[in-house]
Amino acid sequence: MKKIILSLSIIAVATMSANAQIKFGLKGGMNASNIIGDHNLNASETLNQDNLQYTTKIGYNVGAFVNLPIKGKFSLQPEVMYSLQGANYKITSDDGSGNISTFTGHLNLSYLQVPILAKFTFGHKFYAQTGPQFGFLMSAKDKFTGGSDDVKSSFQSFDFSWGLGIGYTLPMGVGFDLRYNIGITAIDKTSSSDNSGDGLGLKDHNSNLQVGVLYQFGGNGNDD
């Protein structure tokens, strides 16, 4: 993680001396995150059959970016972001005798996210972005009525996802963007051999819709 952040810093400094168009920025916004995958929990040793349902949870993201011009309207935008994600959940349990019970809670997953996005500016100040995102799990908390558990050991420490986004930047540097990140790699550990994984083999993936505001500065202020 430290190597990635250091590499981004070196790229930024080196490019600044070679290209006066470099821009820096701060950004933040809202996450509407969820966890997608197969959520049927079957306990083979019993008749119990549990159904796990995830629903959208609201979180936030905040961080910084650097925009590195490549050619014309194309640029590269590395970012370093803190992102609070996860999902709300409900587990419905049927013991096979008609007795049904439910259990609800909130799964909070905190990531240090490093997107590296290709950016294309069009129509004066509109832009589109796409690229990979490298996520490093900082904490994982299961919060429920009456308490909470640290469940970081049940999740992968690294998450790879892909981002797609659009946005608009005003002449004074204030901007707005909308981005969707879809998880490529599974976030759960599928067996107890994976450092105390949950052993459920759910193959869950992150899903996160972000709406944010930003402020960028540097360069000559002209994207045309």
C-alpha atoms as a PDB file:
ATOM      1  CA  MET A   1       0.000   0.000   0.000  1.00  0.00           C
ATOM      2  CA  LYS A   2       2.779   2.417   0.944  1.00  0.00           C
ATOM      3  CA  LYS A   3       4.580   1.578  -2.309  1.00  0.00           C
ATOM      4  CA  ILE A   4       1.483   2.446  -4.354  1.00  0.00           C
ATOM      5  CA  ILE A   5       1.011   5.807  -2.648  1.00  0.00           C
ATOM      6  CA  LEU A   6       4.723   6.605  -3.018  1.00  0.00           C
ATOM      7  CA  SER A   7       4.608   5.665  -6.711  1.00  0.00           C
ATOM      8  CA  LEU A   8       1.648   7.991  -7.308  1.00  0.00           C
ATOM      9  CA  SER A   9       3.528  10.815  -5.591  1.00  0.00           C
ATOM     10  CA  ILE A  10       6.622  10.267  -7.735  1.00  0.00           C
ATOM     11  CA  ILE A  11       4.524  10.241 -10.921  1.00  0.00           C
ATOM     12  CA  ALA A  12       2.828  13.485  -9.906  1.00  0.00           C
ATOM     13  CA  VAL A  13       6.078  15.323  -9.128  1.00  0.00           C
ATOM     14  CA  ALA A  14       7.818  14.104 -12.276  1.00  0.00           C
ATOM     15  CA  THR A  15       4.909  15.066 -14.500  1.00  0.00           C
ATOM     16  CA  MET A  16       4.579  18.515 -12.932  1.00  0.00           C
ATOM     17  CA  SER A  17       8.035  19.487 -14.122  1.00  0.00           C
ATOM     18  CA  ALA A  18       7.340  18.237 -17.633  1.00  0.00           C
ATOM     19  CA  ASN A  19       3.785  19.449 -18.183  1.00  0.00           C
ATOM     20  CA  ALA A  20       2.200  22.651 -16.871  1.00  0.00           C
ATOM     21  CA  GLN A  21      -1.294  21.204 -17.431  1.00  0.00           C
ATOM     22  CA  ILE A  22      -1.192  18.917 -14.408  1.00  0.00           C
ATOM     23  CA  LYS A  23      -4.102  19.361 -11.981  1.00  0.00           C
ATOM     24  CA  PHE A  24      -4.606  18.303  -8.383  1.00  0.00           C
ATOM     25  CA  GLY A  25      -7.871  17.943  -6.552  1.00  0.00           C
ATOM     26  CA  LEU A  26      -9.865  17.014  -3.476  1.00  0.00           C
ATOM     27  CA  LYS A  27     -13.150  15.130  -3.609  1.00  0.00           C
ATOM     28  CA  GLY A  28     -15.792  13.518  -1.461  1.00  0.00           C
ATOM     29  CA  GLY A  29     -19.319  12.243  -1.606  1.00  0.00           C
ATOM     30  CA  MET A  30     -21.901   9.589  -0.863  1.00  0.00           C
ATOM     31  CA  ASN A  31     -21.708   5.832  -1.402  1.00  0.00           C
ATOM     32  CA  ALA A  32     -24.767   3.696  -2.128  1.00  0.00           C
ATOM     33  CA  SER A  33     -23.067   0.333  -1.680  1.00  0.00           C
ATOM     34  CA  ASN A  34     -24.256  -3.249  -1.718  1.00  0.00           C
ATOM     35  CA  ILE A  35     -22.878  -6.798  -1.817  1.00  0.00           C
ATOM     36  CA  ILE A  36     -23.905  -9.001  -4.725  1.00  0.00           C
ATOM     37  CA  GLY A  37     -23.591 -12.769  -5.077  1.00  0.00           C
ATOM     38  CA  ASP A  38     -25.149 -16.074  -4.019  1.00  0.00           C
ATOM     39  CA  HIS A  39     -26.602 -15.650  -0.527  1.00  0.00           C
ATOM     40  CA  ASN A  40     -28.208 -19.018   0.197  1.00  0.00           C
ATOM     41  CA  LEU A  41     -26.561 -20.429   3.318  1.00  0.00           C
ATOM     42  CA  ASN A  42     -27.050 -24.198   3.387  1.00  0.00           C
ATOM     43  CA  ALA A  43     -25.855 -26.086   6.438  1.00  0.00           C
ATOM     44  CA  SER A  44     -25.385 -29.629   5.115  1.00  0.00           C
ATOM     45  CA  GLU A  45     -25.087 -31.149   8.571  1.00  0.00           C
ATOM     46  CA  THR A  46     -28.580 -29.978   9.601  1.00  0.00           C
ATOM     47  CA  LEU A  47     -31.992 -29.396   8.079  1.00  0.00           C
ATOM     48  CA  ASN A  48     -31.599 -25.659   8.600  1.00  0.00           C
ATOM     49  CA  GLN A  49     -31.681 -23.467   5.515  1.00  0.00           C
ATOM     50  CA  ASP A  50     -30.850 -19.775   5.881  1.00  0.00           C
ATOM     51  CA  ASN A  51     -31.390 -17.072   3.303  1.00  0.00           C
ATOM     52  CA  LEU A  52     -29.133 -14.022   3.459  1.00  0.00           C
ATOM     53  CA  GLN A  53     -30.390 -10.848   1.794  1.00  0.00           C
ATOM     54  CA  TYR A  54     -28.188  -7.790   1.321  1.00  0.00           C
ATOM     55  CA  THR A  55     -29.662  -4.345   0.669  1.00  0.00           C
ATOM     56  CA  THR A  56     -28.127  -0.975  -0.146  1.00  0.00           C
ATOM     57  CA  LYS A  57     -26.264   0.850   2.626  1.00  0.00           C
ATOM     58  CA  ILE A  58     -25.349   4.557   2.607  1.00  0.00           C
ATOM     59  CA  GLY A  59     -21.726   5.487   3.318  1.00  0.00           C
ATOM     60  CA  TYR A  60     -19.225   8.081   2.205  1.00  0.00           C
ATOM     61  CA  ASN A  61     -15.910   8.566   0.423  1.00  0.00           C
ATOM     62  CA  VAL A  62     -13.223  11.245   0.681  1.00  0.00           C
ATOM     63  CA  GLY A  63      -9.777  11.677  -0.822  1.00  0.00           C
ATOM     64  CA  ALA A  64      -7.504  13.336  -3.362  1.00  0.00           C
ATOM     65  CA  PHE A  65      -6.518  12.952  -7.002  1.00  0.00           C
ATOM     66  CA  VAL A  66      -4.035  14.121  -9.607  1.00  0.00           C
ATOM     67  CA  ASN A  67      -4.925  14.564 -13.285  1.00  0.00           C
ATOM     68  CA  LEU A  68      -2.068  13.840 -15.697  1.00  0.00           C
ATOM     69  CA  PRO A  69      -2.595  14.971 -19.323  1.00  0.00           C
ATOM     70  CA  ILE A  70      -1.699  12.431 -21.993  1.00  0.00           C
ATOM     71  CA  LYS A  71      -2.773  13.876 -25.340  1.00  0.00           C
ATOM     72  CA  GLY A  72      -5.558  16.216 -26.363  1.00  0.00           C
ATOM     73  CA  LYS A  73      -8.698  15.437 -24.396  1.00  0.00           C
ATOM     74  CA  PHE A  74      -7.241  12.281 -22.841  1.00  0.00           C
ATOM     75  CA  SER A  75      -5.693  12.182 -19.375  1.00  0.00           C
ATOM     76  CA  LEU A  76      -4.855   9.738 -16.584  1.00  0.00           C
ATOM     77  CA  GLN A  77      -6.336  10.298 -13.133  1.00  0.00           C
ATOM     78  CA  PRO A  78      -4.931   8.330 -10.158  1.00  0.00           C
ATOM     79  CA  GLU A  79      -6.811   8.800  -6.889  1.00  0.00           C
ATOM     80  CA  VAL A  80      -6.366   7.829  -3.235  1.00  0.00           C
ATOM     81  CA  MET A  81      -9.719   7.528  -1.436  1.00  0.00           C
ATOM     82  CA  TYR A  82     -11.088   6.394   1.907  1.00  0.00           C
ATOM     83  CA  SER A  83     -14.404   4.643   1.256  1.00  0.00           C
ATOM     84  CA  LEU A  84     -16.947   3.343   3.777  1.00  0.00           C
ATOM     85  CA  GLN A  85     -18.920   0.596   2.023  1.00  0.00           C
ATOM     86  CA  GLY A  86     -20.726  -2.655   2.825  1.00  0.00           C
ATOM     87  CA  ALA A  87     -24.433  -3.450   3.053  1.00  0.00           C
ATOM     88  CA  ASN A  88     -27.423  -3.855   5.303  1.00  0.00           C
ATOM     89  CA  TYR A  89     -28.490  -7.472   5.692  1.00  0.00           C
ATOM     90  CA  LYS A  90     -31.326  -9.740   6.813  1.00  0.00           C
ATOM     91  CA  ILE A  91     -30.982 -13.450   7.521  1.00  0.00           C
ATOM     92  CA  THR A  92     -34.187 -15.492   7.381  1.00  0.00           C
ATOM     93  CA  SER A  93     -33.847 -18.911   8.986  1.00  0.00           C
ATOM     94  CA  ASP A  94     -36.171 -21.904   8.515  1.00  0.00           C
ATOM     95  CA  ASP A  95     -35.514 -24.903  10.756  1.00  0.00           C
ATOM     96  CA  GLY A  96     -37.528 -27.219   8.503  1.00  0.00           C
ATOM     97  CA  SER A  97     -40.459 -27.413  10.923  1.00  0.00           C
ATOM     98  CA  GLY A  98     -42.173 -24.212   9.904  1.00  0.00           C
ATOM     99  CA  ASN A  99     -40.372 -22.085  12.483  1.00  0.00           C
ATOM    100  CA  ILE A 100     -39.016 -18.964  10.779  1.00  0.00           C
ATOM    101  CA  SER A 101     -36.841 -16.347  12.436  1.00  0.00           C
ATOM    102  CA  THR A 102     -35.111 -13.210  11.134  1.00  0.00           C
ATOM    103  CA  PHE A 103     -31.928 -11.389  12.079  1.00  0.00           C
ATOM    104  CA  THR A 104     -30.823  -7.991  10.763  1.00  0.00           C
ATOM    105  CA  GLY A 105     -27.651  -5.949  10.899  1.00  0.00           C
ATOM    106  CA  HIS A 106     -25.174  -3.731   9.064  1.00  0.00           C
ATOM    107  CA  LEU A 107     -21.885  -4.805   7.518  1.00  0.00           C
ATOM    108  CA  ASN A 108     -19.420  -1.894   7.416  1.00  0.00           C
ATOM    109  CA  LEU A 109     -16.387  -2.378   5.155  1.00  0.00           C
ATOM    110  CA  SER A 110     -13.761   0.385   5.187  1.00  0.00           C
ATOM    111  CA  TYR A 111     -11.347   0.498   2.248  1.00  0.00           C
ATOM    112  CA  LEU A 112      -8.403   2.532   1.093  1.00  0.00           C
ATOM    113  CA  GLN A 113      -9.227   2.701  -2.616  1.00  0.00           C
ATOM    114  CA  VAL A 114      -6.713   3.525  -5.368  1.00  0.00           C
ATOM    115  CA  PRO A 115      -8.526   4.047  -8.711  1.00  0.00           C
ATOM    116  CA  ILE A 116      -6.401   4.670 -11.805  1.00  0.00           C
ATOM    117  CA  LEU A 117      -8.762   6.087 -14.393  1.00  0.00           C
ATOM    118  CA  ALA A 118      -8.533   6.999 -18.054  1.00  0.00           C
ATOM    119  CA  LYS A 119     -10.401  10.288 -18.540  1.00  0.00           C
ATOM    120  CA  PHE A 120     -11.839  11.776 -21.736  1.00  0.00           C
ATOM    121  CA  THR A 121     -13.091  15.383 -21.664  1.00  0.00           C
ATOM    122  CA  PHE A 122     -15.767  16.410 -24.189  1.00  0.00           C
ATOM    123  CA  GLY A 123     -18.339  19.121 -24.759  1.00  0.00           C
ATOM    124  CA  HIS A 124     -16.152  21.722 -23.038  1.00  0.00           C
ATOM    125  CA  LYS A 125     -16.282  20.554 -19.386  1.00  0.00           C
ATOM    126  CA  PHE A 126     -18.052  17.181 -19.441  1.00  0.00           C
ATOM    127  CA  TYR A 127     -15.973  14.042 -19.002  1.00  0.00           C
ATOM    128  CA  ALA A 128     -16.157  10.248 -18.909  1.00  0.00           C
ATOM    129  CA  GLN A 129     -13.865   7.973 -16.908  1.00  0.00           C
ATOM    130  CA  THR A 130     -13.079   4.284 -16.718  1.00  0.00           C
ATOM    131  CA  GLY A 131     -10.377   2.138 -15.205  1.00  0.00           C
ATOM    132  CA  PRO A 132      -9.317  -0.311 -12.501  1.00  0.00           C
ATOM    133  CA  GLN A 133      -9.606   0.267  -8.783  1.00  0.00           C
ATOM    134  CA  PHE A 134      -7.361  -1.379  -6.198  1.00  0.00           C
ATOM    135  CA  GLY A 135      -8.936  -1.691  -2.761  1.00  0.00           C
ATOM    136  CA  PHE A 136      -7.192  -2.416   0.552  1.00  0.00           C
ATOM    137  CA  LEU A 137      -9.465  -3.478   3.416  1.00  0.00           C
ATOM    138  CA  MET A 138      -8.849  -1.393   6.543  1.00  0.00           C
ATOM    139  CA  SER A 139     -11.631  -2.706   8.783  1.00  0.00           C
ATOM    140  CA  ALA A 140     -14.783  -4.853   8.691  1.00  0.00           C
ATOM    141  CA  LYS A 141     -17.472  -4.525  11.357  1.00  0.00           C
ATOM    142  CA  ASP A 142     -20.715  -6.471  11.715  1.00  0.00           C
ATOM    143  CA  LYS A 143     -23.126  -4.250  13.656  1.00  0.00           C
ATOM    144  CA  PHE A 144     -26.398  -5.656  14.972  1.00  0.00           C
ATOM    145  CA  THR A 145     -28.898  -5.044  17.748  1.00  0.00           C
ATOM    146  CA  GLY A 146     -27.089  -5.406  21.035  1.00  0.00           C
ATOM    147  CA  GLY A 147     -23.513  -5.296  19.814  1.00  0.00           C
ATOM    148  CA  SER A 148     -20.939  -5.624  17.033  1.00  0.00           C
ATOM    149  CA  ASP A 149     -18.210  -8.012  15.881  1.00  0.00           C
ATOM    150  CA  ASP A 150     -14.877  -7.499  14.171  1.00  0.00           C
ATOM    151  CA  VAL A 151     -15.155  -9.708  11.057  1.00  0.00           C
ATOM    152  CA  LYS A 152     -12.095  -8.551   9.129  1.00  0.00           C
ATOM    153  CA  SER A 153     -10.634 -12.076   9.201  1.00  0.00           C
ATOM    154  CA  SER A 154     -13.609 -13.299   7.120  1.00  0.00           C
ATOM    155  CA  PHE A 155     -12.831 -10.967   4.202  1.00  0.00           C
ATOM    156  CA  GLN A 156     -10.066 -10.670   1.655  1.00  0.00           C
ATOM    157  CA  SER A 157      -7.560  -7.908   2.380  1.00  0.00           C
ATOM    158  CA  PHE A 158      -7.466  -6.906  -1.322  1.00  0.00           C
ATOM    159  CA  ASP A 159     -10.360  -6.097  -3.647  1.00  0.00           C
ATOM    160  CA  PHE A 160     -10.075  -5.480  -7.391  1.00  0.00           C
ATOM    161  CA  SER A 161     -12.913  -3.618  -9.090  1.00  0.00           C
ATOM    162  CA  TRP A 162     -13.655  -1.623 -12.244  1.00  0.00           C
ATOM    163  CA  GLY A 163     -15.056   1.901 -12.356  1.00  0.00           C
ATOM    164  CA  LEU A 164     -17.231   3.718 -14.900  1.00  0.00           C
ATOM    165  CA  GLY A 165     -18.136   7.362 -14.432  1.00  0.00           C
ATOM    166  CA  ILE A 166     -19.238  10.679 -15.860  1.00  0.00           C
ATOM    167  CA  GLY A 167     -18.918  14.210 -14.557  1.00  0.00           C
ATOM    168  CA  TYR A 168     -18.837  17.943 -15.133  1.00  0.00           C
ATOM    169  CA  THR A 169     -16.320  20.547 -13.987  1.00  0.00           C
ATOM    170  CA  LEU A 170     -17.184  24.245 -13.725  1.00  0.00           C
ATOM    171  CA  PRO A 171     -14.645  26.877 -14.850  1.00  0.00           C
ATOM    172  CA  MET A 172     -13.732  27.756 -11.234  1.00  0.00           C
ATOM    173  CA  GLY A 173     -12.655  24.160 -10.622  1.00  0.00           C
ATOM    174  CA  VAL A 174     -15.707  22.902  -8.744  1.00  0.00           C
ATOM    175  CA  GLY A 175     -17.136  19.718 -10.208  1.00  0.00           C
ATOM    176  CA  PHE A 176     -19.650  16.912  -9.794  1.00  0.00           C
ATOM    177  CA  ASP A 177     -19.311  13.265 -10.707  1.00  0.00           C
ATOM    178  CA  LEU A 178     -21.223  10.006 -10.768  1.00  0.00           C
ATOM    179  CA  ARG A 179     -19.365   6.690 -10.713  1.00  0.00           C
ATOM    180  CA  TYR A 180     -20.207   3.018 -10.454  1.00  0.00           C
ATOM    181  CA  ASN A 181     -17.648   0.495  -9.213  1.00  0.00           C
ATOM    182  CA  ILE A 182     -18.311  -3.208  -9.753  1.00  0.00           C
ATOM    183  CA  GLY A 183     -16.228  -5.771  -7.880  1.00  0.00           C
ATOM    184  CA  ILE A 184     -14.276  -8.251 -10.000  1.00  0.00           C
ATOM    185  CA  THR A 185     -12.749 -10.388  -7.275  1.00  0.00           C
ATOM    186  CA  ALA A 186     -14.671 -12.073  -4.443  1.00  0.00           C
ATOM    187  CA  ILE A 187     -14.417 -10.262  -1.110  1.00  0.00           C
ATOM    188  CA  ASP A 188     -15.140 -13.179   1.226  1.00  0.00           C
ATOM    189  CA  LYS A 189     -12.705 -15.863   2.306  1.00  0.00           C
ATOM    190  CA  THR A 190     -14.196 -19.157   1.210  1.00  0.00           C
ATOM    191  CA  SER A 191     -12.620 -21.580   3.653  1.00  0.00           C
ATOM    192  CA  SER A 192     -11.246 -21.755   7.170  1.00  0.00           C
ATOM    193  CA  SER A 193      -7.793 -22.313   5.677  1.00  0.00           C
ATOM    194  CA  ASP A 194      -7.898 -18.668   4.505  1.00  0.00           C
ATOM    195  CA  ASN A 195      -6.952 -17.341   7.951  1.00  0.00           C
ATOM    196  CA  SER A 196     -10.239 -18.090   9.737  1.00  0.00           C
ATOM    197  CA  GLY A 197     -12.533 -17.416   6.787  1.00  0.00           C
ATOM    198  CA  ASP A 198     -16.244 -17.969   7.236  1.00  0.00           C
ATOM    199  CA  GLY A 199     -16.217 -21.172   5.172  1.00  0.00           C
ATOM    200  CA  LEU A 200     -19.510 -20.296   3.451  1.00  0.00           C
ATOM    201  CA  GLY A 201     -18.123 -20.058  -0.082  1.00  0.00           C
ATOM    202  CA  LEU A 202     -20.534 -17.274  -1.045  1.00  0.00           C
ATOM    203  CA  LYS A 203     -18.370 -15.611  -3.700  1.00  0.00           C
ATOM    204  CA  ASP A 204     -19.639 -12.136  -2.809  1.00  0.00           C
ATOM    205  CA  HIS A 205     -18.593  -8.999  -4.703  1.00  0.00           C
ATOM    206  CA  ASN A 206     -18.701  -5.308  -3.901  1.00  0.00           C
ATOM    207  CA  SER A 207     -21.077  -2.989  -5.739  1.00  0.00           C
ATOM    208  CA  ASN A 208     -20.854   0.756  -5.156  1.00  0.00           C
ATOM    209  CA  LEU A 209     -22.560   3.777  -6.725  1.00  0.00           C
ATOM    210  CA  GLN A 210     -20.869   7.072  -5.853  1.00  0.00           C
ATOM    211  CA  VAL A 211     -22.153  10.638  -6.148  1.00  0.00           C
ATOM    212  CA  GLY A 212     -19.622  13.313  -5.297  1.00  0.00           C
ATOM    213  CA  VAL A 213     -18.304  16.833  -5.496  1.00  0.00           C
ATOM    214  CA  LEU A 214     -14.730  17.855  -6.202  1.00  0.00           C
ATOM    215  CA  TYR A 215     -12.419  20.820  -6.386  1.00  0.00           C
ATOM    216  CA  GLN A 216      -9.450  20.790  -8.742  1.00  0.00           C
ATOM    217  CA  PHE A 217      -6.623  23.297  -9.124  1.00  0.00           C
ATOM    218  CA  GLY A 218      -3.363  23.686 -10.996  1.00  0.00           C
ATOM    219  CA  GLY A 219      -2.622  23.828 -14.709  1.00  0.00           C
ATOM    220  CA  ASN A 220      -3.845  26.830 -16.622  1.00  0.00           C
ATOM    221  CA  GLY A 221      -7.551  26.192 -15.861  1.00  0.00           C
ATOM    222  CA  ASN A 222      -8.368  25.441 -19.491  1.00  0.00           C
ATOM    223  CA  ASP A 223      -9.437  21.959 -20.633  1.00  0.00           C
ATOM    224  CA  ASP A 224     -10.195  22.935 -24.213  1.00  0.00           C
END
